[in-house]
Amino acid sequence: MKLTDLDGIGPKTAEKLREKGIDSPEELGREYQRTRRPQDLGGSRVRSAARSYLYEEKGGFTDPYTGAEIDESNRAAFEKLATREVSDFNSVSVQGSNPKVSPDDEVRKFVEPVRQGEFNTEVGGDSVLMEFAADTAQNLGVDELSSGELQDVNRANEEFSDEVELREQSSSGASTTARGSVGVGDFVRAQATHARRSPEARRVDNNRSAERTRDYEEWASSPDSHDFPGVDTPGGVDRFFPEERTTRKRGGFGSTSRRNRDREQVESAVETLNQLNDEQQERVFGESYGSAPNPFGGNG
């Protein structure tokens, strides 16, 4: 069997493939399965010819991007979804010249980042590509999470990667003082972990001052010896996330107050955590934390 026996490969294309060291349909199929950039083989007709050979002569193949076993049972889904290129979409990633995204990238390149919850942080892609990559993962059967659940994981990971500012309110409530920033993900994990402690342990810890840390791992290793600001510090969450951020005017005459958007961001993040199932939380954090009470709802 020669290269030119495959539909879509003429003498000129066959010569170009031979220049790349591909002399037969079997070598073309093997190279298609090996490379994570099949565009290097040539145009879409060459790639289609490689897949047709693998379907008809080998009974299928293992997709190098997703690890999915492709055969007649899911061939239609693969051809419909996994062979689409970024240039097929109105993608801001391409319009913005994202160096990690090329117009001729096949969307299945992004299936693994989506499965790991790293699409936005690692790839920098947009919601159009994320949705299609998640659809591809679901339709190829490479993940137990649905397309919607995978998208929620990626949005949550992006939300939890943000930081919010701690502003400690004075005892009089007349002013607030900046105390640095804390990762949103660290705060919600601490909130959920603290909620799992016994009521007595929470009561004692909430009323006892200890060395403060904004590092979740350090706090979680010894919560009795450390305070995580807004979680187990005396004065509670309102002490570090007051409803309003108050600052003194220049010259020390009077003060100004404005809505504390960091407080709203923390509340939203806790709600997001509670909407994730155990498997989704493990994708985001590496383990499951269950649910966390709304820190501004009087639970603790």
C-alpha atoms as a PDB file:
ATOM      1  CA  MET A   1       0.000   0.000   0.000  1.00  0.00           C
ATOM      2  CA  LYS A   2       1.388   3.377  -1.041  1.00  0.00           C
ATOM      3  CA  LEU A   3       0.798   6.878   0.313  1.00  0.00           C
ATOM      4  CA  THR A   4      -1.007   7.842  -2.874  1.00  0.00           C
ATOM      5  CA  ASP A   5      -3.511   5.036  -2.275  1.00  0.00           C
ATOM      6  CA  LEU A   6      -4.958   7.172   0.523  1.00  0.00           C
ATOM      7  CA  ASP A   7      -7.726   9.634  -0.289  1.00  0.00           C
ATOM      8  CA  GLY A   8      -6.442  13.194  -0.172  1.00  0.00           C
ATOM      9  CA  ILE A   9      -2.785  12.389  -0.862  1.00  0.00           C
ATOM     10  CA  GLY A  10      -1.494  13.042  -4.355  1.00  0.00           C
ATOM     11  CA  PRO A  11       2.032  12.703  -5.768  1.00  0.00           C
ATOM     12  CA  LYS A  12       3.165  16.170  -4.582  1.00  0.00           C
ATOM     13  CA  THR A  13       1.887  15.636  -1.044  1.00  0.00           C
ATOM     14  CA  ALA A  14       3.408  12.159  -0.948  1.00  0.00           C
ATOM     15  CA  GLU A  15       6.764  13.631  -1.935  1.00  0.00           C
ATOM     16  CA  LYS A  16       6.560  16.213   0.855  1.00  0.00           C
ATOM     17  CA  LEU A  17       5.799  13.450   3.350  1.00  0.00           C
ATOM     18  CA  ARG A  18       8.727  11.376   2.108  1.00  0.00           C
ATOM     19  CA  GLU A  19      10.973  14.399   2.657  1.00  0.00           C
ATOM     20  CA  LYS A  20       9.851  14.207   6.309  1.00  0.00           C
ATOM     21  CA  GLY A  21      10.796  10.543   6.474  1.00  0.00           C
ATOM     22  CA  ILE A  22       7.249   9.209   6.016  1.00  0.00           C
ATOM     23  CA  ASP A  23       7.285   6.644   3.210  1.00  0.00           C
ATOM     24  CA  SER A  24       4.146   4.581   3.798  1.00  0.00           C
ATOM     25  CA  PRO A  25       0.568   4.770   5.155  1.00  0.00           C
ATOM     26  CA  GLU A  26       1.709   2.770   8.177  1.00  0.00           C
ATOM     27  CA  GLU A  27       4.433   5.319   8.953  1.00  0.00           C
ATOM     28  CA  LEU A  28       1.936   8.148   8.445  1.00  0.00           C
ATOM     29  CA  GLY A  29      -0.479   6.524  10.900  1.00  0.00           C
ATOM     30  CA  ARG A  30       2.271   5.925  13.417  1.00  0.00           C
ATOM     31  CA  GLU A  31       3.423   9.553  13.178  1.00  0.00           C
ATOM     32  CA  TYR A  32      -0.145  10.822  13.580  1.00  0.00           C
ATOM     33  CA  GLN A  33      -0.467   8.905  16.838  1.00  0.00           C
ATOM     34  CA  ARG A  34       2.937  10.033  18.065  1.00  0.00           C
ATOM     35  CA  THR A  35       2.880  13.769  17.486  1.00  0.00           C
ATOM     36  CA  ARG A  36       1.059  16.298  19.630  1.00  0.00           C
ATOM     37  CA  ARG A  37       1.175  18.747  16.749  1.00  0.00           C
ATOM     38  CA  PRO A  38      -0.389  16.869  13.806  1.00  0.00           C
ATOM     39  CA  GLN A  39      -0.365  20.082  11.754  1.00  0.00           C
ATOM     40  CA  ASP A  40       3.308  19.360  11.118  1.00  0.00           C
ATOM     41  CA  LEU A  41       2.243  16.412   8.994  1.00  0.00           C
ATOM     42  CA  GLY A  42       0.523  18.706   6.536  1.00  0.00           C
ATOM     43  CA  GLY A  43      -2.975  20.010   5.908  1.00  0.00           C
ATOM     44  CA  SER A  44      -6.286  18.668   7.119  1.00  0.00           C
ATOM     45  CA  ARG A  45      -6.520  16.269   4.154  1.00  0.00           C
ATOM     46  CA  VAL A  46      -3.293  14.533   5.179  1.00  0.00           C
ATOM     47  CA  ARG A  47      -4.475  14.209   8.762  1.00  0.00           C
ATOM     48  CA  SER A  48      -7.831  12.883   7.590  1.00  0.00           C
ATOM     49  CA  ALA A  49      -6.027  10.346   5.400  1.00  0.00           C
ATOM     50  CA  ALA A  50      -3.951   9.206   8.372  1.00  0.00           C
ATOM     51  CA  ARG A  51      -7.055   8.716  10.508  1.00  0.00           C
ATOM     52  CA  SER A  52      -8.887   6.865   7.726  1.00  0.00           C
ATOM     53  CA  TYR A  53      -5.962   4.473   7.408  1.00  0.00           C
ATOM     54  CA  LEU A  54      -5.915   3.882  11.153  1.00  0.00           C
ATOM     55  CA  TYR A  55      -9.673   3.287  11.276  1.00  0.00           C
ATOM     56  CA  GLU A  56      -9.785   0.920   8.320  1.00  0.00           C
ATOM     57  CA  GLU A  57      -6.484  -0.916   8.628  1.00  0.00           C
ATOM     58  CA  LYS A  58      -5.779  -0.846  12.367  1.00  0.00           C
ATOM     59  CA  GLY A  59      -9.266  -0.683  13.836  1.00  0.00           C
ATOM     60  CA  GLY A  60      -8.636   2.680  15.505  1.00  0.00           C
ATOM     61  CA  PHE A  61      -5.911   4.536  17.393  1.00  0.00           C
ATOM     62  CA  THR A  62      -4.984   6.253  20.641  1.00  0.00           C
ATOM     63  CA  ASP A  63      -5.297  10.013  20.437  1.00  0.00           C
ATOM     64  CA  PRO A  64      -2.002  11.528  21.644  1.00  0.00           C
ATOM     65  CA  TYR A  65      -3.676  14.629  23.075  1.00  0.00           C
ATOM     66  CA  THR A  66      -6.504  13.161  25.106  1.00  0.00           C
ATOM     67  CA  GLY A  67      -5.457   9.537  25.521  1.00  0.00           C
ATOM     68  CA  ALA A  68      -8.877   8.530  24.199  1.00  0.00           C
ATOM     69  CA  GLU A  69      -9.177   5.203  22.400  1.00  0.00           C
ATOM     70  CA  ILE A  70     -10.772   6.085  19.074  1.00  0.00           C
ATOM     71  CA  ASP A  71     -12.593   3.417  17.065  1.00  0.00           C
ATOM     72  CA  GLU A  72     -15.853   3.064  15.179  1.00  0.00           C
ATOM     73  CA  SER A  73     -17.867   3.504  18.375  1.00  0.00           C
ATOM     74  CA  ASN A  74     -16.737   7.098  18.882  1.00  0.00           C
ATOM     75  CA  ARG A  75     -15.359   7.903  15.445  1.00  0.00           C
ATOM     76  CA  ALA A  76     -18.223  10.269  14.622  1.00  0.00           C
ATOM     77  CA  ALA A  77     -17.720  12.239  17.848  1.00  0.00           C
ATOM     78  CA  PHE A  78     -13.989  12.506  17.210  1.00  0.00           C
ATOM     79  CA  GLU A  79     -14.414  13.700  13.645  1.00  0.00           C
ATOM     80  CA  LYS A  80     -17.089  16.196  14.644  1.00  0.00           C
ATOM     81  CA  LEU A  81     -15.435  17.667  17.726  1.00  0.00           C
ATOM     82  CA  ALA A  82     -11.781  16.798  18.082  1.00  0.00           C
ATOM     83  CA  THR A  83     -10.666  17.794  14.612  1.00  0.00           C
ATOM     84  CA  ARG A  84     -11.915  21.367  14.901  1.00  0.00           C
ATOM     85  CA  GLU A  85      -9.255  24.054  14.802  1.00  0.00           C
ATOM     86  CA  VAL A  86      -9.062  27.273  16.790  1.00  0.00           C
ATOM     87  CA  SER A  87      -9.455  29.225  13.555  1.00  0.00           C
ATOM     88  CA  ASP A  88     -12.986  27.816  13.294  1.00  0.00           C
ATOM     89  CA  PHE A  89     -14.022  29.945  16.269  1.00  0.00           C
ATOM     90  CA  ASN A  90     -14.295  33.629  17.010  1.00  0.00           C
ATOM     91  CA  SER A  91     -11.656  33.262  19.683  1.00  0.00           C
ATOM     92  CA  VAL A  92     -10.238  36.215  21.565  1.00  0.00           C
ATOM     93  CA  SER A  93      -7.177  34.069  22.278  1.00  0.00           C
ATOM     94  CA  VAL A  94      -6.255  34.238  18.610  1.00  0.00           C
ATOM     95  CA  GLN A  95      -7.430  37.796  18.097  1.00  0.00           C
ATOM     96  CA  GLY A  96      -5.266  38.830  21.029  1.00  0.00           C
ATOM     97  CA  SER A  97      -2.246  36.978  19.618  1.00  0.00           C
ATOM     98  CA  ASN A  98      -1.993  34.658  22.626  1.00  0.00           C
ATOM     99  CA  PRO A  99       1.431  33.010  22.235  1.00  0.00           C
ATOM    100  CA  LYS A 100       0.084  29.735  23.628  1.00  0.00           C
ATOM    101  CA  VAL A 101      -2.751  29.511  21.111  1.00  0.00           C
ATOM    102  CA  SER A 102      -2.284  29.174  17.367  1.00  0.00           C
ATOM    103  CA  PRO A 103      -5.093  29.427  14.763  1.00  0.00           C
ATOM    104  CA  ASP A 104      -4.229  25.958  13.440  1.00  0.00           C
ATOM    105  CA  ASP A 105      -4.209  24.314  16.871  1.00  0.00           C
ATOM    106  CA  GLU A 106      -6.774  21.552  17.074  1.00  0.00           C
ATOM    107  CA  VAL A 107      -9.079  22.173  20.006  1.00  0.00           C
ATOM    108  CA  ARG A 108      -8.309  18.794  21.532  1.00  0.00           C
ATOM    109  CA  LYS A 109      -4.932  20.287  22.493  1.00  0.00           C
ATOM    110  CA  PHE A 110      -6.839  22.018  25.300  1.00  0.00           C
ATOM    111  CA  VAL A 111      -8.705  18.973  26.625  1.00  0.00           C
ATOM    112  CA  GLU A 112      -6.006  18.074  29.176  1.00  0.00           C
ATOM    113  CA  PRO A 113      -5.707  21.633  30.613  1.00  0.00           C
ATOM    114  CA  VAL A 114      -9.512  21.726  30.918  1.00  0.00           C
ATOM    115  CA  ARG A 115      -9.541  18.375  32.706  1.00  0.00           C
ATOM    116  CA  GLN A 116      -6.870  19.601  35.121  1.00  0.00           C
ATOM    117  CA  GLY A 117      -8.726  22.856  35.769  1.00  0.00           C
ATOM    118  CA  GLU A 118      -5.817  24.851  34.368  1.00  0.00           C
ATOM    119  CA  PHE A 119      -7.300  26.151  31.132  1.00  0.00           C
ATOM    120  CA  ASN A 120      -7.349  29.833  32.012  1.00  0.00           C
ATOM    121  CA  THR A 121      -4.241  29.893  34.182  1.00  0.00           C
ATOM    122  CA  GLU A 122      -1.987  27.809  31.916  1.00  0.00           C
ATOM    123  CA  VAL A 123      -3.411  28.385  28.447  1.00  0.00           C
ATOM    124  CA  GLY A 124      -4.972  31.790  28.867  1.00  0.00           C
ATOM    125  CA  GLY A 125      -7.826  30.824  26.626  1.00  0.00           C
ATOM    126  CA  ASP A 126     -11.341  32.184  26.492  1.00  0.00           C
ATOM    127  CA  SER A 127     -14.756  30.722  27.316  1.00  0.00           C
ATOM    128  CA  VAL A 128     -15.456  29.738  23.698  1.00  0.00           C
ATOM    129  CA  LEU A 129     -12.476  27.400  23.524  1.00  0.00           C
ATOM    130  CA  MET A 130     -12.968  26.180  27.091  1.00  0.00           C
ATOM    131  CA  GLU A 131     -16.558  25.144  26.399  1.00  0.00           C
ATOM    132  CA  PHE A 132     -15.632  23.330  23.211  1.00  0.00           C
ATOM    133  CA  ALA A 133     -12.683  21.544  24.826  1.00  0.00           C
ATOM    134  CA  ALA A 134     -14.917  20.452  27.721  1.00  0.00           C
ATOM    135  CA  ASP A 135     -17.527  19.219  25.233  1.00  0.00           C
ATOM    136  CA  THR A 136     -14.797  17.261  23.466  1.00  0.00           C
ATOM    137  CA  ALA A 137     -13.682  15.611  26.717  1.00  0.00           C
ATOM    138  CA  GLN A 138     -17.264  14.589  27.503  1.00  0.00           C
ATOM    139  CA  ASN A 139     -18.088  13.285  24.040  1.00  0.00           C
ATOM    140  CA  LEU A 140     -14.870  11.296  23.758  1.00  0.00           C
ATOM    141  CA  GLY A 141     -15.528   9.761  27.171  1.00  0.00           C
ATOM    142  CA  VAL A 142     -12.139  10.698  28.625  1.00  0.00           C
ATOM    143  CA  ASP A 143     -13.469  12.205  31.852  1.00  0.00           C
ATOM    144  CA  GLU A 144     -16.083  11.242  34.417  1.00  0.00           C
ATOM    145  CA  LEU A 145     -17.089  14.883  34.851  1.00  0.00           C
ATOM    146  CA  SER A 146     -19.571  16.410  32.454  1.00  0.00           C
ATOM    147  CA  SER A 147     -18.718  19.319  30.197  1.00  0.00           C
ATOM    148  CA  GLY A 148     -20.509  21.734  32.534  1.00  0.00           C
ATOM    149  CA  GLU A 149     -18.711  20.355  35.597  1.00  0.00           C
ATOM    150  CA  LEU A 150     -15.335  20.714  33.891  1.00  0.00           C
ATOM    151  CA  GLN A 151     -16.080  24.300  32.978  1.00  0.00           C
ATOM    152  CA  ASP A 152     -17.090  25.029  36.578  1.00  0.00           C
ATOM    153  CA  VAL A 153     -13.755  23.592  37.777  1.00  0.00           C
ATOM    154  CA  ASN A 154     -11.819  25.925  35.506  1.00  0.00           C
ATOM    155  CA  ARG A 155     -13.845  28.994  36.482  1.00  0.00           C
ATOM    156  CA  ALA A 156     -13.460  28.121  40.165  1.00  0.00           C
ATOM    157  CA  ASN A 157      -9.713  27.667  39.809  1.00  0.00           C
ATOM    158  CA  GLU A 158      -9.441  31.091  38.260  1.00  0.00           C
ATOM    159  CA  GLU A 159     -11.581  32.623  40.996  1.00  0.00           C
ATOM    160  CA  PHE A 160      -9.583  30.964  43.776  1.00  0.00           C
ATOM    161  CA  SER A 161      -6.273  32.136  42.287  1.00  0.00           C
ATOM    162  CA  ASP A 162      -7.169  35.770  43.015  1.00  0.00           C
ATOM    163  CA  GLU A 163      -6.045  37.635  46.116  1.00  0.00           C
ATOM    164  CA  VAL A 164      -8.020  39.923  48.401  1.00  0.00           C
ATOM    165  CA  GLU A 165      -6.813  42.604  50.769  1.00  0.00           C
ATOM    166  CA  LEU A 166      -7.123  42.261  54.518  1.00  0.00           C
ATOM    167  CA  ARG A 167      -8.129  45.483  56.224  1.00  0.00           C
ATOM    168  CA  GLU A 168      -8.258  45.244  59.994  1.00  0.00           C
ATOM    169  CA  GLN A 169     -10.956  47.362  61.539  1.00  0.00           C
ATOM    170  CA  SER A 170     -10.074  49.427  64.602  1.00  0.00           C
ATOM    171  CA  SER A 171     -11.858  48.665  67.871  1.00  0.00           C
ATOM    172  CA  SER A 172     -13.871  51.856  67.455  1.00  0.00           C
ATOM    173  CA  GLY A 173     -14.746  50.994  63.876  1.00  0.00           C
ATOM    174  CA  ALA A 174     -13.658  54.444  62.779  1.00  0.00           C
ATOM    175  CA  SER A 175     -10.829  53.285  60.525  1.00  0.00           C
ATOM    176  CA  THR A 176      -9.264  50.255  58.885  1.00  0.00           C
ATOM    177  CA  THR A 177      -5.612  49.313  58.450  1.00  0.00           C
ATOM    178  CA  ALA A 178      -4.177  47.297  55.558  1.00  0.00           C
ATOM    179  CA  ARG A 179      -2.747  43.949  56.717  1.00  0.00           C
ATOM    180  CA  GLY A 180      -1.556  42.520  53.412  1.00  0.00           C
ATOM    181  CA  SER A 181      -3.349  40.219  51.014  1.00  0.00           C
ATOM    182  CA  VAL A 182      -4.478  36.608  51.164  1.00  0.00           C
ATOM    183  CA  GLY A 183      -5.278  34.103  48.446  1.00  0.00           C
ATOM    184  CA  VAL A 184      -8.985  33.585  47.950  1.00  0.00           C
ATOM    185  CA  GLY A 185      -8.428  29.841  47.659  1.00  0.00           C
ATOM    186  CA  ASP A 186      -6.450  29.765  50.908  1.00  0.00           C
ATOM    187  CA  PHE A 187      -9.185  31.656  52.738  1.00  0.00           C
ATOM    188  CA  VAL A 188     -12.044  29.383  51.620  1.00  0.00           C
ATOM    189  CA  ARG A 189      -9.986  26.273  52.415  1.00  0.00           C
ATOM    190  CA  ALA A 190      -9.269  27.606  55.886  1.00  0.00           C
ATOM    191  CA  GLN A 191     -12.937  28.454  56.352  1.00  0.00           C
ATOM    192  CA  ALA A 192     -13.998  24.923  55.346  1.00  0.00           C
ATOM    193  CA  THR A 193     -11.298  23.257  57.469  1.00  0.00           C
ATOM    194  CA  HIS A 194     -12.183  25.337  60.524  1.00  0.00           C
ATOM    195  CA  ALA A 195     -15.844  24.393  60.094  1.00  0.00           C
ATOM    196  CA  ARG A 196     -14.947  20.693  60.372  1.00  0.00           C
ATOM    197  CA  ARG A 197     -13.382  21.155  63.807  1.00  0.00           C
ATOM    198  CA  SER A 198     -15.462  20.425  66.886  1.00  0.00           C
ATOM    199  CA  PRO A 199     -17.690  23.231  68.214  1.00  0.00           C
ATOM    200  CA  GLU A 200     -15.575  23.402  71.367  1.00  0.00           C
ATOM    201  CA  ALA A 201     -12.304  23.665  69.415  1.00  0.00           C
ATOM    202  CA  ARG A 202     -13.769  26.456  67.300  1.00  0.00           C
ATOM    203  CA  ARG A 203     -15.108  28.306  70.335  1.00  0.00           C
ATOM    204  CA  VAL A 204     -11.786  28.204  72.167  1.00  0.00           C
ATOM    205  CA  ASP A 205      -9.740  29.114  69.104  1.00  0.00           C
ATOM    206  CA  ASN A 206     -12.039  31.951  68.058  1.00  0.00           C
ATOM    207  CA  ASN A 207     -11.573  33.640  71.423  1.00  0.00           C
ATOM    208  CA  ARG A 208      -7.823  33.153  71.760  1.00  0.00           C
ATOM    209  CA  SER A 209      -5.186  35.206  69.956  1.00  0.00           C
ATOM    210  CA  ALA A 210      -2.240  33.395  68.373  1.00  0.00           C
ATOM    211  CA  GLU A 211       0.480  34.107  65.862  1.00  0.00           C
ATOM    212  CA  ARG A 212      -1.103  35.125  62.572  1.00  0.00           C
ATOM    213  CA  THR A 213      -0.333  33.525  59.255  1.00  0.00           C
ATOM    214  CA  ARG A 214      -1.762  33.993  55.777  1.00  0.00           C
ATOM    215  CA  ASP A 215      -0.341  30.675  54.607  1.00  0.00           C
ATOM    216  CA  TYR A 216      -3.025  27.979  54.603  1.00  0.00           C
ATOM    217  CA  GLU A 217      -0.617  25.034  54.887  1.00  0.00           C
ATOM    218  CA  GLU A 218       1.161  26.567  57.887  1.00  0.00           C
ATOM    219  CA  TRP A 219      -2.146  27.309  59.606  1.00  0.00           C
ATOM    220  CA  ALA A 220      -3.689  23.907  58.830  1.00  0.00           C
ATOM    221  CA  SER A 221      -0.668  22.079  60.250  1.00  0.00           C
ATOM    222  CA  SER A 222      -1.307  23.650  63.666  1.00  0.00           C
ATOM    223  CA  PRO A 223      -4.501  25.727  63.899  1.00  0.00           C
ATOM    224  CA  ASP A 224      -4.245  25.935  67.682  1.00  0.00           C
ATOM    225  CA  SER A 225      -0.884  27.689  67.358  1.00  0.00           C
ATOM    226  CA  HIS A 226      -1.791  30.045  64.550  1.00  0.00           C
ATOM    227  CA  ASP A 227      -4.597  32.375  63.589  1.00  0.00           C
ATOM    228  CA  PHE A 228      -5.762  32.684  60.003  1.00  0.00           C
ATOM    229  CA  PRO A 229      -7.056  36.273  59.656  1.00  0.00           C
ATOM    230  CA  GLY A 230     -10.842  36.328  59.465  1.00  0.00           C
ATOM    231  CA  VAL A 231     -11.218  32.600  60.115  1.00  0.00           C
ATOM    232  CA  ASP A 232     -10.287  31.894  63.745  1.00  0.00           C
ATOM    233  CA  THR A 233      -9.160  35.308  64.972  1.00  0.00           C
ATOM    234  CA  PRO A 234     -10.969  37.089  67.804  1.00  0.00           C
ATOM    235  CA  GLY A 235     -13.448  39.488  66.265  1.00  0.00           C
ATOM    236  CA  GLY A 236     -14.236  37.113  63.442  1.00  0.00           C
ATOM    237  CA  VAL A 237     -14.344  37.754  59.727  1.00  0.00           C
ATOM    238  CA  ASP A 238     -15.820  41.242  60.055  1.00  0.00           C
ATOM    239  CA  ARG A 239     -12.632  42.385  61.736  1.00  0.00           C
ATOM    240  CA  PHE A 240     -10.665  41.853  58.511  1.00  0.00           C
ATOM    241  CA  PHE A 241     -13.431  42.151  55.925  1.00  0.00           C
ATOM    242  CA  PRO A 242     -15.674  44.957  57.208  1.00  0.00           C
ATOM    243  CA  GLU A 243     -18.663  45.916  55.097  1.00  0.00           C
ATOM    244  CA  GLU A 244     -17.025  49.236  54.338  1.00  0.00           C
ATOM    245  CA  ARG A 245     -13.405  50.188  53.877  1.00  0.00           C
ATOM    246  CA  THR A 246     -12.711  53.287  55.933  1.00  0.00           C
ATOM    247  CA  THR A 247      -9.648  55.463  55.434  1.00  0.00           C
ATOM    248  CA  ARG A 248      -8.691  58.802  56.914  1.00  0.00           C
ATOM    249  CA  LYS A 249      -8.519  61.814  54.656  1.00  0.00           C
ATOM    250  CA  ARG A 250      -5.245  63.560  54.055  1.00  0.00           C
ATOM    251  CA  GLY A 251      -4.257  65.747  56.966  1.00  0.00           C
ATOM    252  CA  GLY A 252      -6.151  63.510  59.378  1.00  0.00           C
ATOM    253  CA  PHE A 253      -9.390  65.463  59.156  1.00  0.00           C
ATOM    254  CA  GLY A 254     -12.342  63.134  58.768  1.00  0.00           C
ATOM    255  CA  SER A 255     -12.543  59.845  56.923  1.00  0.00           C
ATOM    256  CA  THR A 256     -14.058  58.310  53.804  1.00  0.00           C
ATOM    257  CA  SER A 257     -15.869  55.013  53.456  1.00  0.00           C
ATOM    258  CA  ARG A 258     -16.595  52.856  50.456  1.00  0.00           C
ATOM    259  CA  ARG A 259     -18.030  49.434  49.809  1.00  0.00           C
ATOM    260  CA  ASN A 260     -15.631  46.578  50.533  1.00  0.00           C
ATOM    261  CA  ARG A 261     -15.578  44.565  47.321  1.00  0.00           C
ATOM    262  CA  ASP A 262     -13.022  42.130  48.760  1.00  0.00           C
ATOM    263  CA  ARG A 263     -15.653  41.057  51.285  1.00  0.00           C
ATOM    264  CA  GLU A 264     -18.088  40.371  48.445  1.00  0.00           C
ATOM    265  CA  GLN A 265     -15.420  38.418  46.573  1.00  0.00           C
ATOM    266  CA  VAL A 266     -14.757  36.195  49.579  1.00  0.00           C
ATOM    267  CA  GLU A 267     -18.479  35.541  50.064  1.00  0.00           C
ATOM    268  CA  SER A 268     -18.822  34.642  46.376  1.00  0.00           C
ATOM    269  CA  ALA A 269     -15.822  32.289  46.578  1.00  0.00           C
ATOM    270  CA  VAL A 270     -17.301  30.406  49.538  1.00  0.00           C
ATOM    271  CA  GLU A 271     -20.525  29.995  47.580  1.00  0.00           C
ATOM    272  CA  THR A 272     -18.514  28.670  44.635  1.00  0.00           C
ATOM    273  CA  LEU A 273     -16.761  26.129  46.880  1.00  0.00           C
ATOM    274  CA  ASN A 274     -20.101  24.886  48.151  1.00  0.00           C
ATOM    275  CA  GLN A 275     -21.350  24.358  44.605  1.00  0.00           C
ATOM    276  CA  LEU A 276     -18.461  22.038  43.720  1.00  0.00           C
ATOM    277  CA  ASN A 277     -18.776  18.312  44.313  1.00  0.00           C
ATOM    278  CA  ASP A 278     -15.957  16.283  45.890  1.00  0.00           C
ATOM    279  CA  GLU A 279     -14.333  15.359  42.576  1.00  0.00           C
ATOM    280  CA  GLN A 280     -14.410  18.960  41.383  1.00  0.00           C
ATOM    281  CA  GLN A 281     -12.817  20.161  44.625  1.00  0.00           C
ATOM    282  CA  GLU A 282     -10.059  17.590  44.240  1.00  0.00           C
ATOM    283  CA  ARG A 283      -9.345  18.895  40.733  1.00  0.00           C
ATOM    284  CA  VAL A 284      -9.000  22.417  42.117  1.00  0.00           C
ATOM    285  CA  PHE A 285      -7.234  21.843  45.444  1.00  0.00           C
ATOM    286  CA  GLY A 286      -5.897  18.299  45.299  1.00  0.00           C
ATOM    287  CA  GLU A 287      -8.344  17.202  48.003  1.00  0.00           C
ATOM    288  CA  SER A 288     -11.964  17.647  48.997  1.00  0.00           C
ATOM    289  CA  TYR A 289     -12.992  20.079  51.745  1.00  0.00           C
ATOM    290  CA  GLY A 290     -16.738  19.575  51.742  1.00  0.00           C
ATOM    291  CA  SER A 291     -18.785  22.693  52.383  1.00  0.00           C
ATOM    292  CA  ALA A 292     -17.997  25.889  54.247  1.00  0.00           C
ATOM    293  CA  PRO A 293     -20.434  28.127  56.112  1.00  0.00           C
ATOM    294  CA  ASN A 294     -21.024  31.614  54.819  1.00  0.00           C
ATOM    295  CA  PRO A 295     -18.525  33.586  56.934  1.00  0.00           C
ATOM    296  CA  PHE A 296     -20.850  36.595  56.954  1.00  0.00           C
ATOM    297  CA  GLY A 297     -23.987  34.639  57.781  1.00  0.00           C
ATOM    298  CA  GLY A 298     -23.452  34.184  61.518  1.00  0.00           C
ATOM    299  CA  ASN A 299     -22.277  30.555  61.356  1.00  0.00           C
ATOM    300  CA  GLY A 300     -19.078  29.473  63.033  1.00  0.00           C
END
